[in-house]
Structures are given as C-alpha cells and as structure tokens.
Amino acid sequence: MQFEQVAKAYRKTDMFGAAEAKEPETVVILVMDELIKAVKSFQKNISIKSGDLINRSKSFSRAISVIYMLQSSLDLEKGGQIAYDLFRLYEFLRIHLIKDLRTGSVNKSLTALKSITDIKDAWLKVRAA
C-alpha cells in the first residue's frame, strides 16, 4: 500500500481536530482506534439475551458516526483509487454492522473489523519507521 497516497486521501478536512494535529495520520489512527473500540463493544453486547442493550445501541451509533466521519474526510479526487477503496471498506463495515444488528450475531462485522484493524496496524508501523 502506498501510505503517502493514503495520507493525502485524508488531508481534505480539519475534522477530528486535525487542525491541531501536526500529522493527519495521527488523527486517522486515533479515529480508527475509536471505531475499533465501538465495534468491539457493539459485538460484545450483540446478544439480546445476555448483552447490554443500552451499550449495544450506544456502540452501534458511535461506530456508524465514526464510519461517517472517516468516509466524509476522504478526498476522493486527490486520493484516487486508494480513497475509493477505503470508502468501500468503511461502507462494507457499516452495512455489516446493520446486518449484525438485525440478526443479533457478529458474523458479518468480524471480517470488516479485521480489515480496519489491519489498516490501523499498518499505519502504526509506517509511523514507527
């Protein structure tokens, strides 16, 4: 993956407090952390019988909001194919979260969450290098 192009895909906006951040990549990592946390909490509370329905609802709403923020921060013109691919990945997760909410299982969102986690981990490795 070409991380400079990925970074450019996110430089469109000052969302997430990016105006104060020296590195937009840091902001993206922080937002992805928040997304991962929300999705994991949603998945933990998915069961109608044993889950915490209030936390499930809050986590679901938070995850959907963060996905929207990530999608709307992409610069599809300057980011090219990478920006489109990221947009589709976020949309994949959004759709699967909705499906999991309807079915009461985490079958669909697990795959998408793995991809988001892999992308965040790759960002961390690039920053550390």
N, C-alpha and C. Protein backbone atom coordinates (compact mmCIF):
# COMPACT_ATOMS: atom_id res chain seq x y z
N MET A 1 0.84 -1.17 0.00
CA MET A 1 0.00 0.00 0.00
C MET A 1 0.89 1.24 0.00
N GLN A 2 0.52 2.26 -0.73
CA GLN A 2 1.28 3.48 -0.81
C GLN A 2 0.73 4.45 0.23
N PHE A 3 1.42 4.56 1.37
CA PHE A 3 0.88 5.28 2.51
C PHE A 3 0.85 6.78 2.30
N GLU A 4 1.73 7.31 1.48
CA GLU A 4 1.68 8.74 1.19
C GLU A 4 0.37 9.08 0.47
N GLN A 5 -0.04 8.22 -0.46
CA GLN A 5 -1.32 8.44 -1.14
C GLN A 5 -2.49 8.29 -0.18
N VAL A 6 -2.39 7.32 0.72
CA VAL A 6 -3.45 7.15 1.71
C VAL A 6 -3.53 8.38 2.60
N ALA A 7 -2.39 8.89 3.03
CA ALA A 7 -2.38 10.08 3.87
C ALA A 7 -3.01 11.26 3.13
N LYS A 8 -2.69 11.41 1.87
CA LYS A 8 -3.29 12.50 1.08
C LYS A 8 -4.80 12.35 0.98
N ALA A 9 -5.27 11.13 0.97
CA ALA A 9 -6.70 10.89 0.86
C ALA A 9 -7.44 11.47 2.06
N TYR A 10 -6.78 11.61 3.19
CA TYR A 10 -7.42 12.13 4.41
C TYR A 10 -7.15 13.61 4.65
N ARG A 11 -6.37 14.25 3.86
CA ARG A 11 -5.97 15.63 4.15
C ARG A 11 -7.01 16.66 3.74
N LYS A 12 -8.15 16.23 3.30
CA LYS A 12 -9.18 17.14 2.81
C LYS A 12 -9.80 17.97 3.92
N THR A 13 -9.83 17.50 5.10
CA THR A 13 -10.67 18.08 6.13
C THR A 13 -9.93 18.40 7.41
N ASP A 14 -10.49 19.28 8.18
CA ASP A 14 -9.98 19.57 9.52
C ASP A 14 -10.79 18.83 10.56
N MET A 15 -11.58 17.87 10.13
CA MET A 15 -12.42 17.11 11.04
C MET A 15 -11.55 16.35 12.05
N PHE A 16 -12.10 15.97 13.15
CA PHE A 16 -11.46 15.22 14.23
C PHE A 16 -10.39 16.03 14.94
N GLY A 17 -10.40 17.35 14.81
CA GLY A 17 -9.37 18.14 15.45
C GLY A 17 -8.07 18.11 14.68
N ALA A 18 -8.11 17.79 13.40
CA ALA A 18 -6.89 17.69 12.60
C ALA A 18 -6.18 19.04 12.49
N ALA A 19 -6.92 20.13 12.70
CA ALA A 19 -6.29 21.44 12.64
C ALA A 19 -5.21 21.57 13.71
N GLU A 20 -5.42 20.90 14.84
CA GLU A 20 -4.45 20.96 15.93
C GLU A 20 -3.37 19.89 15.81
N ALA A 21 -3.64 18.86 15.06
CA ALA A 21 -2.69 17.75 14.94
C ALA A 21 -1.63 18.12 13.90
N LYS A 22 -0.39 17.83 14.23
CA LYS A 22 0.69 18.11 13.29
C LYS A 22 0.71 17.09 12.17
N GLU A 23 0.25 15.88 12.47
CA GLU A 23 0.26 14.81 11.47
C GLU A 23 -1.16 14.30 11.28
N PRO A 24 -1.73 14.47 10.10
CA PRO A 24 -3.08 13.94 9.86
C PRO A 24 -3.15 12.44 10.08
N GLU A 25 -2.03 11.74 9.87
CA GLU A 25 -2.00 10.30 10.07
C GLU A 25 -2.31 9.94 11.51
N THR A 26 -1.84 10.76 12.44
CA THR A 26 -2.10 10.53 13.86
C THR A 26 -3.59 10.60 14.14
N VAL A 27 -4.24 11.56 13.53
CA VAL A 27 -5.68 11.72 13.71
C VAL A 27 -6.42 10.51 13.17
N VAL A 28 -6.02 10.03 12.00
CA VAL A 28 -6.66 8.86 11.40
C VAL A 28 -6.51 7.65 12.32
N ILE A 29 -5.34 7.46 12.88
CA ILE A 29 -5.10 6.34 13.79
C ILE A 29 -5.99 6.45 15.03
N LEU A 30 -6.10 7.63 15.59
CA LEU A 30 -6.94 7.83 16.76
C LEU A 30 -8.41 7.56 16.45
N VAL A 31 -8.85 8.00 15.30
CA VAL A 31 -10.25 7.78 14.91
C VAL A 31 -10.48 6.29 14.65
N MET A 32 -9.53 5.63 14.01
CA MET A 32 -9.68 4.18 13.79
C MET A 32 -9.71 3.43 15.13
N ASP A 33 -8.91 3.88 16.09
CA ASP A 33 -8.96 3.28 17.43
C ASP A 33 -10.37 3.40 18.02
N GLU A 34 -10.95 4.57 17.86
CA GLU A 34 -12.30 4.80 18.38
C GLU A 34 -13.31 3.90 17.66
N LEU A 35 -13.15 3.74 16.37
CA LEU A 35 -14.03 2.86 15.60
C LEU A 35 -13.90 1.42 16.07
N ILE A 36 -12.69 0.95 16.22
CA ILE A 36 -12.45 -0.43 16.66
C ILE A 36 -13.05 -0.65 18.04
N LYS A 37 -12.85 0.31 18.93
CA LYS A 37 -13.41 0.21 20.28
C LYS A 37 -14.94 0.14 20.24
N ALA A 38 -15.56 0.97 19.42
CA ALA A 38 -17.03 0.98 19.33
C ALA A 38 -17.56 -0.32 18.74
N VAL A 39 -16.90 -0.82 17.71
CA VAL A 39 -17.36 -2.07 17.07
C VAL A 39 -17.20 -3.24 18.03
N LYS A 40 -16.09 -3.31 18.74
CA LYS A 40 -15.89 -4.40 19.70
C LYS A 40 -16.93 -4.35 20.82
N SER A 41 -17.26 -3.16 21.29
CA SER A 41 -18.28 -3.03 22.33
C SER A 41 -19.64 -3.46 21.78
N PHE A 42 -19.93 -3.07 20.55
CA PHE A 42 -21.18 -3.49 19.90
C PHE A 42 -21.24 -5.02 19.82
N GLN A 43 -20.15 -5.63 19.36
CA GLN A 43 -20.12 -7.07 19.21
C GLN A 43 -20.25 -7.78 20.56
N LYS A 44 -19.62 -7.23 21.58
CA LYS A 44 -19.69 -7.82 22.92
C LYS A 44 -21.12 -7.83 23.46
N ASN A 45 -21.89 -6.84 23.08
CA ASN A 45 -23.24 -6.68 23.61
C ASN A 45 -24.32 -7.04 22.59
N ILE A 46 -23.99 -7.78 21.57
CA ILE A 46 -24.92 -8.07 20.48
C ILE A 46 -26.10 -8.94 20.92
N SER A 47 -25.89 -9.83 21.84
CA SER A 47 -26.93 -10.77 22.24
C SER A 47 -28.08 -10.07 22.94
N ILE A 48 -29.28 -10.33 22.46
CA ILE A 48 -30.48 -9.76 23.09
C ILE A 48 -30.67 -10.36 24.47
N LYS A 49 -30.28 -11.61 24.65
CA LYS A 49 -30.47 -12.29 25.93
C LYS A 49 -29.41 -11.91 26.96
N SER A 50 -28.14 -11.86 26.56
CA SER A 50 -27.08 -11.65 27.55
C SER A 50 -26.33 -10.33 27.40
N GLY A 51 -26.57 -9.60 26.33
CA GLY A 51 -25.85 -8.36 26.12
C GLY A 51 -26.51 -7.17 26.81
N ASP A 52 -25.75 -6.11 26.94
CA ASP A 52 -26.26 -4.86 27.49
C ASP A 52 -26.83 -4.06 26.31
N LEU A 53 -28.13 -4.00 26.20
CA LEU A 53 -28.78 -3.40 25.04
C LEU A 53 -28.52 -1.90 24.93
N ILE A 54 -28.38 -1.23 26.05
CA ILE A 54 -28.07 0.20 26.01
C ILE A 54 -26.67 0.42 25.45
N ASN A 55 -25.70 -0.37 25.95
CA ASN A 55 -24.34 -0.25 25.42
C ASN A 55 -24.27 -0.67 23.96
N ARG A 56 -25.05 -1.69 23.59
CA ARG A 56 -25.08 -2.11 22.19
C ARG A 56 -25.55 -0.96 21.32
N SER A 57 -26.61 -0.31 21.73
CA SER A 57 -27.16 0.81 20.97
C SER A 57 -26.17 1.97 20.88
N LYS A 58 -25.57 2.33 22.00
CA LYS A 58 -24.59 3.42 22.01
C LYS A 58 -23.38 3.10 21.15
N SER A 59 -22.89 1.87 21.26
CA SER A 59 -21.72 1.46 20.49
C SER A 59 -22.02 1.43 19.00
N PHE A 60 -23.20 0.93 18.67
CA PHE A 60 -23.61 0.90 17.26
C PHE A 60 -23.67 2.32 16.71
N SER A 61 -24.31 3.22 17.42
CA SER A 61 -24.43 4.61 16.97
C SER A 61 -23.06 5.27 16.84
N ARG A 62 -22.20 5.00 17.80
CA ARG A 62 -20.85 5.58 17.76
C ARG A 62 -20.08 5.04 16.56
N ALA A 63 -20.15 3.75 16.33
CA ALA A 63 -19.43 3.16 15.19
C ALA A 63 -19.93 3.74 13.87
N ILE A 64 -21.24 3.86 13.73
CA ILE A 64 -21.80 4.42 12.49
C ILE A 64 -21.35 5.88 12.32
N SER A 65 -21.33 6.65 13.39
CA SER A 65 -20.89 8.04 13.32
C SER A 65 -19.42 8.15 12.92
N VAL A 66 -18.59 7.29 13.51
CA VAL A 66 -17.16 7.33 13.19
C VAL A 66 -16.93 6.90 11.74
N ILE A 67 -17.66 5.91 11.29
CA ILE A 67 -17.55 5.50 9.88
C ILE A 67 -17.89 6.67 8.97
N TYR A 68 -18.96 7.37 9.30
CA TYR A 68 -19.35 8.53 8.50
C TYR A 68 -18.24 9.58 8.51
N MET A 69 -17.64 9.84 9.66
CA MET A 69 -16.56 10.82 9.73
C MET A 69 -15.38 10.40 8.86
N LEU A 70 -15.02 9.12 8.93
CA LEU A 70 -13.91 8.64 8.11
C LEU A 70 -14.23 8.75 6.62
N GLN A 71 -15.44 8.38 6.25
CA GLN A 71 -15.83 8.46 4.85
C GLN A 71 -15.85 9.90 4.36
N SER A 72 -16.42 10.78 5.16
CA SER A 72 -16.55 12.17 4.72
C SER A 72 -15.22 12.91 4.72
N SER A 73 -14.22 12.38 5.42
CA SER A 73 -12.91 13.02 5.44
C SER A 73 -12.04 12.63 4.24
N LEU A 74 -12.47 11.63 3.51
CA LEU A 74 -11.68 11.20 2.34
C LEU A 74 -11.80 12.21 1.21
N ASP A 75 -10.70 12.47 0.56
CA ASP A 75 -10.69 13.32 -0.63
C ASP A 75 -10.65 12.38 -1.83
N LEU A 76 -11.82 12.09 -2.38
CA LEU A 76 -11.92 11.11 -3.45
C LEU A 76 -11.24 11.59 -4.73
N GLU A 77 -11.13 12.90 -4.92
CA GLU A 77 -10.44 13.43 -6.09
C GLU A 77 -8.94 13.24 -6.00
N LYS A 78 -8.36 13.71 -4.91
CA LYS A 78 -6.90 13.65 -4.75
C LYS A 78 -6.43 12.28 -4.29
N GLY A 79 -7.27 11.56 -3.57
CA GLY A 79 -6.87 10.26 -3.02
C GLY A 79 -6.92 9.13 -4.02
N GLY A 80 -7.58 9.35 -5.14
CA GLY A 80 -7.64 8.35 -6.19
C GLY A 80 -8.25 7.03 -5.76
N GLN A 81 -7.74 5.97 -6.32
CA GLN A 81 -8.27 4.62 -6.09
C GLN A 81 -8.20 4.21 -4.63
N ILE A 82 -7.14 4.62 -3.94
CA ILE A 82 -7.00 4.26 -2.53
C ILE A 82 -8.14 4.87 -1.71
N ALA A 83 -8.47 6.12 -1.99
CA ALA A 83 -9.58 6.76 -1.27
C ALA A 83 -10.88 6.03 -1.55
N TYR A 84 -11.11 5.64 -2.79
CA TYR A 84 -12.33 4.89 -3.12
C TYR A 84 -12.34 3.53 -2.42
N ASP A 85 -11.19 2.88 -2.37
CA ASP A 85 -11.12 1.57 -1.70
C ASP A 85 -11.40 1.71 -0.20
N LEU A 86 -10.85 2.74 0.42
CA LEU A 86 -11.11 2.98 1.83
C LEU A 86 -12.59 3.28 2.07
N PHE A 87 -13.16 4.10 1.20
CA PHE A 87 -14.59 4.42 1.31
C PHE A 87 -15.42 3.13 1.27
N ARG A 88 -15.09 2.26 0.32
CA ARG A 88 -15.84 1.00 0.19
C ARG A 88 -15.64 0.10 1.40
N LEU A 89 -14.44 0.09 1.96
CA LEU A 89 -14.20 -0.71 3.16
C LEU A 89 -15.05 -0.20 4.33
N TYR A 90 -15.09 1.10 4.51
CA TYR A 90 -15.93 1.67 5.57
C TYR A 90 -17.40 1.37 5.32
N GLU A 91 -17.81 1.43 4.08
CA GLU A 91 -19.20 1.13 3.74
C GLU A 91 -19.51 -0.35 4.00
N PHE A 92 -18.56 -1.21 3.70
CA PHE A 92 -18.69 -2.64 3.97
C PHE A 92 -18.94 -2.87 5.45
N LEU A 93 -18.15 -2.21 6.30
CA LEU A 93 -18.32 -2.34 7.74
C LEU A 93 -19.68 -1.79 8.17
N ARG A 94 -20.07 -0.64 7.65
CA ARG A 94 -21.35 -0.04 8.02
C ARG A 94 -22.52 -0.98 7.70
N ILE A 95 -22.52 -1.50 6.49
CA ILE A 95 -23.59 -2.40 6.06
C ILE A 95 -23.61 -3.66 6.93
N HIS A 96 -22.43 -4.18 7.24
CA HIS A 96 -22.38 -5.42 8.03
C HIS A 96 -22.74 -5.19 9.49
N LEU A 97 -22.46 -4.01 10.01
CA LEU A 97 -22.92 -3.70 11.36
C LEU A 97 -24.45 -3.68 11.41
N ILE A 98 -25.05 -3.11 10.39
CA ILE A 98 -26.52 -3.08 10.32
C ILE A 98 -27.07 -4.49 10.22
N LYS A 99 -26.45 -5.32 9.40
CA LYS A 99 -26.91 -6.71 9.27
C LYS A 99 -26.77 -7.45 10.60
N ASP A 100 -25.65 -7.24 11.29
CA ASP A 100 -25.45 -7.90 12.58
C ASP A 100 -26.46 -7.42 13.61
N LEU A 101 -26.79 -6.15 13.58
CA LEU A 101 -27.80 -5.62 14.50
C LEU A 101 -29.14 -6.31 14.26
N ARG A 102 -29.47 -6.52 13.01
CA ARG A 102 -30.74 -7.18 12.67
C ARG A 102 -30.77 -8.65 13.06
N THR A 103 -29.64 -9.33 12.90
CA THR A 103 -29.62 -10.78 13.15
C THR A 103 -29.23 -11.13 14.58
N GLY A 104 -28.61 -10.20 15.29
CA GLY A 104 -28.16 -10.48 16.65
C GLY A 104 -26.91 -11.34 16.71
N SER A 105 -26.14 -11.34 15.62
CA SER A 105 -24.88 -12.09 15.59
C SER A 105 -23.78 -11.19 15.06
N VAL A 106 -22.54 -11.63 15.22
CA VAL A 106 -21.41 -10.81 14.75
C VAL A 106 -20.72 -11.44 13.54
N ASN A 107 -21.42 -12.26 12.83
CA ASN A 107 -20.81 -12.96 11.70
C ASN A 107 -20.24 -12.02 10.65
N LYS A 108 -20.99 -10.99 10.32
CA LYS A 108 -20.60 -10.11 9.21
C LYS A 108 -19.55 -9.07 9.60
N SER A 109 -19.71 -8.45 10.75
CA SER A 109 -18.81 -7.35 11.11
C SER A 109 -17.42 -7.81 11.52
N LEU A 110 -17.25 -9.07 11.87
CA LEU A 110 -15.92 -9.57 12.25
C LEU A 110 -14.92 -9.43 11.11
N THR A 111 -15.33 -9.75 9.91
CA THR A 111 -14.45 -9.66 8.75
C THR A 111 -14.04 -8.22 8.49
N ALA A 112 -15.01 -7.33 8.53
CA ALA A 112 -14.72 -5.92 8.28
C ALA A 112 -13.83 -5.34 9.37
N LEU A 113 -14.09 -5.70 10.61
CA LEU A 113 -13.28 -5.21 11.72
C LEU A 113 -11.83 -5.65 11.57
N LYS A 114 -11.61 -6.86 11.11
CA LYS A 114 -10.25 -7.36 10.89
C LYS A 114 -9.51 -6.47 9.88
N SER A 115 -10.20 -6.08 8.82
CA SER A 115 -9.58 -5.22 7.81
C SER A 115 -9.24 -3.84 8.38
N ILE A 116 -10.14 -3.27 9.16
CA ILE A 116 -9.89 -1.96 9.77
C ILE A 116 -8.70 -2.06 10.72
N THR A 117 -8.64 -3.12 11.51
CA THR A 117 -7.53 -3.33 12.45
C THR A 117 -6.21 -3.48 11.69
N ASP A 118 -6.22 -4.20 10.60
CA ASP A 118 -5.00 -4.38 9.79
C ASP A 118 -4.51 -3.04 9.23
N ILE A 119 -5.44 -2.22 8.77
CA ILE A 119 -5.06 -0.90 8.23
C ILE A 119 -4.47 -0.02 9.33
N LYS A 120 -5.10 -0.01 10.49
CA LYS A 120 -4.58 0.79 11.61
C LYS A 120 -3.19 0.30 12.01
N ASP A 121 -3.00 -1.01 12.09
CA ASP A 121 -1.70 -1.56 12.45
C ASP A 121 -0.63 -1.18 11.42
N ALA A 122 -1.00 -1.17 10.15
CA ALA A 122 -0.06 -0.77 9.10
C ALA A 122 0.33 0.70 9.26
N TRP A 123 -0.65 1.55 9.58
CA TRP A 123 -0.36 2.96 9.84
C TRP A 123 0.64 3.11 10.99
N LEU A 124 0.43 2.33 12.04
CA LEU A 124 1.33 2.40 13.19
C LEU A 124 2.75 2.00 12.82
N LYS A 125 2.89 0.98 11.99
CA LYS A 125 4.22 0.53 11.56
C LYS A 125 4.91 1.60 10.71
N VAL A 126 4.15 2.26 9.84
CA VAL A 126 4.73 3.30 9.00
C VAL A 126 5.19 4.47 9.85
N ARG A 127 4.40 4.85 10.83
CA ARG A 127 4.76 5.96 11.71
C ARG A 127 6.00 5.63 12.54
N ALA A 128 6.14 4.37 12.93
CA ALA A 128 7.27 3.96 13.77
C ALA A 128 8.56 3.89 12.97
N ALA A 129 8.44 3.71 11.66
CA ALA A 129 9.64 3.56 10.82
C ALA A 129 10.39 4.86 10.61
